[in-house]
Protein backbone atom coordinates (compact mmCIF):
# COMPACT_ATOMS: atom_id res chain seq x y z
CA ARG A 1 98.35 24.78 -24.51
CA SER A 2 98.35 21.19 -22.71
CA ALA A 3 96.09 18.73 -24.46
CA HIS A 4 94.90 18.51 -21.06
CA ALA A 5 93.12 21.85 -20.70
CA VAL A 6 90.19 23.39 -22.22
CA SER A 7 88.91 26.74 -22.76
CA VAL A 8 85.71 26.93 -20.48
CA VAL A 9 85.23 30.66 -21.70
CA GLN A 10 84.30 30.65 -25.43
CA LYS A 11 83.80 34.34 -25.74
CA LEU A 12 85.77 36.95 -23.31
CA PRO A 13 83.28 39.01 -21.03
CA PRO A 14 82.13 42.33 -22.40
CA ALA A 15 83.71 45.73 -21.24
CA MET A 16 81.46 47.48 -18.27
CA MET A 17 81.44 51.29 -17.68
CA PRO A 18 82.22 52.12 -13.89
CA GLY A 19 79.05 51.68 -11.85
CA GLU A 20 77.14 49.55 -14.38
CA GLY A 21 75.60 46.40 -13.45
CA ASN A 22 75.49 45.08 -9.57
CA ALA A 23 78.49 44.74 -7.42
CA GLN A 24 78.93 40.83 -7.70
CA GLN A 25 78.50 41.18 -11.51
CA ARG A 26 81.16 43.47 -11.53
CA ARG A 27 83.39 41.19 -9.44
CA LEU A 28 83.04 38.37 -11.40
CA LEU A 29 83.40 39.76 -14.84
CA ASP A 30 86.85 41.51 -13.49
CA GLN A 31 87.98 38.29 -12.26
CA MET A 32 87.04 36.53 -15.82
CA ALA A 33 88.68 39.44 -17.46
CA ASN A 34 92.24 38.49 -15.22
CA ASP A 35 91.75 34.80 -15.88
CA THR A 36 93.24 32.93 -19.17
CA GLY A 37 89.89 30.83 -19.23
CA TRP A 38 91.38 27.86 -19.24
CA ARG A 39 90.94 24.60 -16.78
CA MET A 40 92.58 21.63 -16.73
CA LEU A 41 90.99 18.33 -17.36
CA SER A 42 91.14 15.68 -14.23
CA GLU A 43 92.31 12.47 -15.51
CA SER A 44 91.72 8.96 -14.03
CA PRO A 45 94.49 7.97 -11.34
CA GLN A 46 96.75 5.22 -11.89
CA GLY A 47 95.99 1.71 -10.76
CA ASP A 48 92.44 0.77 -9.71
CA PRO A 49 91.00 3.99 -8.69
CA LEU A 50 87.62 2.61 -8.19
CA ALA A 51 88.48 -0.26 -5.62
CA GLU A 52 88.03 1.93 -2.75
CA LEU A 53 84.60 2.86 -3.80
CA ARG A 54 83.51 -1.03 -4.42
CA THR A 55 84.57 -1.25 -0.55
CA ARG A 56 82.87 1.81 0.58
CA PHE A 57 79.73 1.35 -1.50
CA PRO A 58 78.93 -2.33 -2.10
CA HIS A 59 75.36 -1.41 -3.14
CA PHE A 60 76.67 1.09 -5.89
CA ALA A 61 78.26 -1.72 -7.93
CA GLU A 62 76.34 -1.17 -11.01
CA VAL A 63 77.12 2.67 -11.07
CA ILE A 64 80.89 1.79 -10.28
CA ASP A 65 80.70 -0.88 -13.14
CA TYR A 66 79.54 1.47 -15.35
CA VAL A 67 82.13 4.45 -14.27
CA GLU A 68 84.66 2.08 -14.67
CA GLY A 69 83.74 1.29 -18.58
CA SER A 70 83.45 5.13 -19.08
CA LEU A 71 86.77 5.62 -18.04
CA ALA A 72 88.47 2.56 -20.27
CA LEU A 73 86.44 3.93 -22.90
CA ALA A 74 87.95 7.50 -22.66
CA ALA A 75 91.51 5.90 -22.31
CA CYS A 76 91.43 4.57 -25.94
CA GLY A 77 91.02 8.23 -27.14
CA GLU A 78 93.40 11.19 -27.89
CA GLU A 79 92.90 12.26 -24.62
CA GLY A 80 93.86 9.28 -22.82
CA LYS A 81 92.49 9.04 -19.16
CA VAL A 82 90.70 12.29 -19.23
CA VAL A 83 87.61 11.94 -17.14
CA ARG A 84 84.67 12.10 -19.28
CA MET A 85 80.77 10.23 -18.67
CA ALA A 86 77.42 10.53 -19.60
CA PRO A 87 74.87 12.17 -17.01
CA LEU A 88 74.13 9.83 -14.37
CA LEU A 89 70.73 9.72 -12.16
CA LEU A 90 70.65 7.89 -8.79
CA ARG A 91 67.32 6.67 -7.71
CA GLY A 92 66.78 5.21 -4.23
CA ALA A 93 65.52 5.73 -0.75
CA PRO A 94 66.24 8.55 1.42
CA GLY A 95 69.70 7.94 3.26
CA CYS A 96 71.15 5.09 1.06
CA GLY A 97 74.13 7.52 0.23
CA LYS A 98 73.46 8.80 -3.07
CA THR A 99 75.26 12.30 -2.66
CA TYR A 100 78.27 11.31 -0.43
CA PHE A 101 78.98 8.62 -3.29
CA ALA A 102 78.80 11.66 -5.77
CA GLN A 103 81.00 13.59 -3.76
CA GLU A 104 83.45 10.93 -3.03
CA LEU A 105 83.59 10.02 -6.93
CA ALA A 106 85.07 13.29 -7.74
CA ARG A 107 87.51 13.01 -4.72
CA VAL A 108 88.67 9.69 -6.63
CA LEU A 109 88.34 11.11 -9.95
CA GLY A 110 90.37 14.20 -9.06
CA THR A 111 88.02 16.82 -9.84
CA HIS A 112 86.15 19.28 -7.70
CA PHE A 113 82.55 18.95 -6.62
CA VAL A 114 79.76 21.03 -6.36
CA GLU A 115 75.90 20.38 -5.24
CA ARG A 116 72.50 22.01 -5.05
CA ASP A 117 69.17 20.60 -3.82
CA LEU A 118 66.53 21.23 -5.87
CA SER A 119 63.75 20.50 -3.51
CA VAL A 120 64.53 23.75 -1.96
CA THR A 121 64.46 26.00 -5.20
CA SER A 122 61.33 26.59 -7.42
CA GLU A 123 63.42 28.55 -10.29
CA ALA A 124 66.02 27.79 -13.02
CA PHE A 125 68.24 30.58 -11.77
CA VAL A 126 69.99 27.73 -9.27
CA ILE A 127 71.30 26.41 -12.73
CA SER A 128 71.14 28.91 -15.50
CA GLY A 129 71.65 32.19 -13.09
CA MET A 130 69.28 35.30 -12.99
CA ASP A 131 69.63 38.29 -15.18
CA SER A 132 71.60 41.19 -13.39
CA ALA A 133 68.63 43.79 -14.20
CA TRP A 134 67.10 41.93 -10.70
CA LYS A 135 67.92 43.15 -7.40
CA ASN A 136 68.65 39.68 -6.08
CA SER A 137 70.25 38.24 -9.48
CA LYS A 138 73.48 35.88 -8.95
CA PRO A 139 75.08 33.35 -11.22
CA GLY A 140 73.85 29.59 -11.58
CA VAL A 141 75.84 26.55 -10.33
CA VAL A 142 77.44 25.94 -13.74
CA LEU A 143 78.91 29.21 -13.87
CA GLU A 144 80.35 29.18 -10.73
CA ALA A 145 81.85 25.62 -10.82
CA LEU A 146 83.42 26.53 -13.97
CA VAL A 147 84.68 29.98 -13.18
CA ASN A 148 85.51 29.75 -9.56
CA GLY A 149 87.00 25.82 -9.73
CA LYS A 150 89.88 24.29 -10.99
CA THR A 151 88.78 21.69 -13.39
CA ALA A 152 86.86 21.72 -16.66
CA ASN A 153 85.23 18.54 -15.72
CA PRO A 154 83.72 19.17 -12.21
CA VAL A 155 80.87 16.85 -10.88
CA ILE A 156 78.10 18.79 -10.26
CA CYS A 157 75.42 17.21 -8.08
CA LEU A 158 71.66 18.00 -8.54
CA ASN A 159 69.88 16.52 -5.39
CA GLU A 160 66.60 15.41 -5.51
CA VAL A 161 65.36 16.33 -9.22
CA ASP A 162 62.12 14.82 -8.74
CA LYS A 163 61.10 17.41 -6.27
CA ALA A 164 62.07 20.11 -8.40
CA LYS A 165 59.25 22.44 -9.08
CA GLY A 166 58.90 26.01 -11.04
CA SER A 167 56.66 28.72 -11.20
CA GLY A 168 56.16 27.64 -15.01
CA GLN A 169 57.34 25.36 -17.72
CA HIS A 170 60.11 27.46 -18.77
CA ASN A 171 61.34 28.57 -15.07
CA SER A 172 61.46 25.09 -13.52
CA PRO A 173 65.34 24.36 -12.26
CA MET A 174 64.75 21.53 -14.87
CA ALA A 175 64.29 23.77 -18.14
CA ALA A 176 68.06 24.65 -18.07
CA LEU A 177 68.99 20.64 -18.04
CA TYR A 178 67.76 20.11 -21.61
CA ALA A 179 70.44 21.80 -23.20
CA LEU A 180 73.17 21.15 -20.73
CA LEU A 181 72.68 17.65 -20.73
CA GLU A 182 73.12 17.24 -24.40
CA PRO A 183 77.14 17.13 -25.55
CA THR A 184 76.67 19.61 -28.52
CA SER A 185 74.33 22.37 -27.12
CA SER A 186 76.73 22.39 -23.73
CA GLU A 187 79.37 23.44 -25.65
CA ARG A 188 78.20 27.02 -25.59
CA PHE A 189 76.06 27.46 -22.65
CA MET A 190 74.93 30.77 -21.34
CA ASP A 191 74.42 32.02 -18.06
CA GLU A 192 71.64 34.45 -17.85
CA PHE A 193 73.65 36.50 -14.88
CA ILE A 194 76.60 37.06 -17.75
CA PRO A 195 75.72 36.24 -21.24
CA VAL A 196 79.01 34.99 -21.95
CA ALA A 197 79.47 31.71 -23.60
CA LEU A 198 81.07 28.70 -21.37
CA ASP A 199 82.12 25.12 -22.71
CA ALA A 200 80.09 22.91 -19.88
CA SER A 201 80.42 20.04 -22.30
CA ARG A 202 82.92 18.39 -20.08
CA VAL A 203 80.89 18.74 -16.86
CA VAL A 204 80.15 14.86 -15.02
CA TRP A 205 76.37 15.34 -14.13
CA VAL A 206 75.17 13.30 -11.42
CA LEU A 207 71.15 13.54 -10.06
CA THR A 208 69.91 12.32 -7.39
CA ALA A 209 65.93 11.23 -6.95
CA ASN A 210 63.80 9.18 -4.56
CA ASP A 211 60.79 7.69 -6.55
CA GLY A 212 59.15 11.23 -7.89
CA ASP A 213 58.27 11.58 -11.63
CA ILE A 214 61.18 13.45 -13.67
CA PRO A 215 59.95 14.37 -17.18
CA GLU A 216 60.78 12.11 -20.12
CA PRO A 217 62.74 14.17 -22.19
CA ILE A 218 65.24 14.80 -19.05
CA LEU A 219 65.39 10.89 -18.41
CA SER A 220 66.11 10.11 -22.01
CA ARG A 221 69.53 12.21 -21.46
CA LEU A 222 70.53 10.22 -18.28
CA GLU A 223 72.21 6.93 -17.77
CA VAL A 224 69.82 5.87 -14.95
CA PHE A 225 70.16 3.70 -11.69
CA ASN A 226 68.20 2.25 -8.99
CA ILE A 227 70.30 2.10 -5.71
CA PRO A 228 68.85 -0.70 -3.75
CA ASN A 229 69.01 -0.27 0.06
CA PRO A 230 72.18 -2.34 1.44
CA THR A 231 72.14 -5.77 2.47
CA PRO A 232 72.96 -6.28 6.24
CA ASP A 233 76.42 -7.40 5.12
CA GLN A 234 76.82 -4.50 3.22
CA CYS A 235 75.58 -2.10 5.91
CA ARG A 236 78.57 -3.94 7.73
CA ALA A 237 81.04 -3.14 5.35
CA ILE A 238 79.45 0.41 5.19
CA ALA A 239 79.78 0.90 8.52
CA SER A 240 83.37 -0.04 8.96
CA SER A 241 84.19 2.50 6.02
CA VAL A 242 82.20 5.09 7.87
CA TRP A 243 84.29 4.32 11.25
CA ASP A 244 87.63 4.21 9.34
CA SER A 245 86.64 8.19 7.91
CA LEU A 246 85.96 9.34 11.06
CA CYS A 247 88.79 7.94 12.94
CA GLN A 248 91.07 9.70 10.43
CA LYS A 249 89.05 12.90 9.31
CA VAL A 250 86.61 13.60 12.48
CA LEU A 251 87.86 12.18 15.85
CA PRO A 252 90.30 14.53 17.52
CA ARG A 253 93.81 14.20 16.45
CA GLY A 254 95.79 11.54 18.79
CA HIS A 255 92.48 9.69 19.71
CA ARG A 256 93.32 6.14 20.70
CA PHE A 257 90.23 4.45 19.26
CA ALA A 258 90.70 1.35 17.30
CA ALA A 259 90.67 1.56 13.86
CA GLN A 260 88.27 -1.80 13.54
CA LEU A 261 85.15 -2.15 14.66
CA PRO A 262 84.17 -4.92 16.89
CA SER A 263 81.40 -7.61 15.33
CA GLU A 264 79.08 -6.93 18.23
CA VAL A 265 79.09 -3.42 17.14
CA LEU A 266 78.43 -4.02 13.47
CA ASP A 267 75.90 -6.53 14.09
CA VAL A 268 74.04 -3.31 15.82
CA MET A 269 75.05 -1.42 12.86
CA GLN A 270 73.58 -3.71 9.98
CA THR A 271 70.39 -2.27 10.11
CA MET A 272 70.84 1.13 9.85
CA SER A 273 71.02 3.44 6.65
CA PRO A 274 74.42 4.84 5.59
CA ARG A 275 73.19 8.26 6.15
CA LEU A 276 72.51 7.67 9.87
CA MET A 277 75.56 5.67 10.53
CA ARG A 278 78.29 8.36 10.78
CA LYS A 279 75.59 10.14 13.51
CA ALA A 280 75.21 6.94 15.45
CA LEU A 281 79.11 6.10 15.49
CA THR A 282 79.92 9.86 16.49
CA ALA A 283 77.57 9.53 19.27
CA ALA A 284 78.57 6.12 20.48
CA ALA A 285 82.55 7.13 20.57
CA SER A 286 81.23 10.16 23.00
CA ARG A 287 79.28 7.11 25.36
CA ALA A 288 82.75 5.25 25.15
CA VAL A 289 84.96 8.03 25.92
CA LEU A 290 82.48 8.99 28.84
CA ALA A 291 83.13 5.78 29.83
CA GLY A 292 86.90 5.77 30.34
CA ARG A 293 87.15 3.33 27.18
CA SER A 294 89.13 3.84 23.69
CA HIS A 295 87.02 1.06 21.74
CA LEU A 296 83.39 1.09 21.23
CA GLN A 297 80.89 -1.62 22.56
CA ALA A 298 77.51 -2.69 21.60
CA GLU A 299 75.92 -0.84 24.37
CA ASP A 300 77.74 2.58 23.00
CA LEU A 301 75.05 2.07 19.99
CA THR A 302 72.05 0.65 21.71
CA SER A 303 70.68 3.89 22.98
CA SER A 304 71.92 6.03 20.14
CA GLY A 305 71.65 3.21 17.46
CA ASN A 306 67.84 2.96 18.41
CA ARG A 307 67.15 6.42 18.56
CA TYR A 308 68.68 7.25 15.21
CA ARG A 309 66.80 3.98 13.77
CA GLU A 310 63.57 5.16 15.20
CA VAL A 311 64.55 8.94 13.22
CA GLN A 312 64.95 6.54 10.05
CA ARG A 313 61.82 4.76 10.30
CA ARG A 314 59.93 8.15 10.67
CA ALA A 315 61.75 9.69 8.00
CA ILE A 316 61.18 7.04 5.73
CA GLY A 317 57.39 6.91 6.59
CA PHE A 318 57.14 10.69 5.87
CA SER A 319 58.75 10.01 2.48
CA ALA A 320 56.39 7.04 1.73
CA GLN A 321 53.38 9.85 2.22
CA MET A 322 54.88 12.25 -0.07
């Protein structure tokens, strides 16, 4: 086997008699039985892979510095540039770009990205699965990421962990993390849906939170970073990055919009959160087209920009009351 591949399935799945288990479990077991169980380990790209992130996420500088150090440390070992790092916790106000940063980090590192929102779940099965004896049972995010993904070191992002609530201490979504965030115990992780040992020790964990409480034992397993709201100058850089992404990936092919935003447009954007920039710029592009133009003007942002800033103020106020 390649030195840059590992077996994520530590024990072959058990044989099943016809009709045994639910349909989803049988399909997954068949898939695992016909799979070698080996997954490639993504490697850090050549050159300066983080330079792009520094430009697009200037307020994440401290996190990017840490990632850079982790990649450099990994490069001095036997596995070369294989991506591996400690679990991260990104704390910051709603809309500052935490989840999008995690997604783009996975892309830059050449691995796949999976996310779950813990603010809308109340049980541990979202991470560790549910026993197949239950009618609505399903596998957890770790098993899905390792079995269905292409790499053994995916980025798994758990959003709003400070809002995770369970029906009891052992049923909280956080319960499974005690073992998964430890390098040793995560080497033989068992999903409740299919009790097969999985090597989850290479998973790159990114947890996000606002300002709620997180159990101290979980915090002790994480590298914690407080993400500040971007400064006006940083907002201008972020807006330029968001517009570039829209021009390349969202706007219709063959559009004639300029790649650079005018300074007057950036002036309007510099008080807007990264989450809302994408919506505001898309709306502004629509207004420009209706006006027969292939470039944005400040007036395109005035009405839509004010509307989105008002939404932002209401959202942050709501968050503060929680």
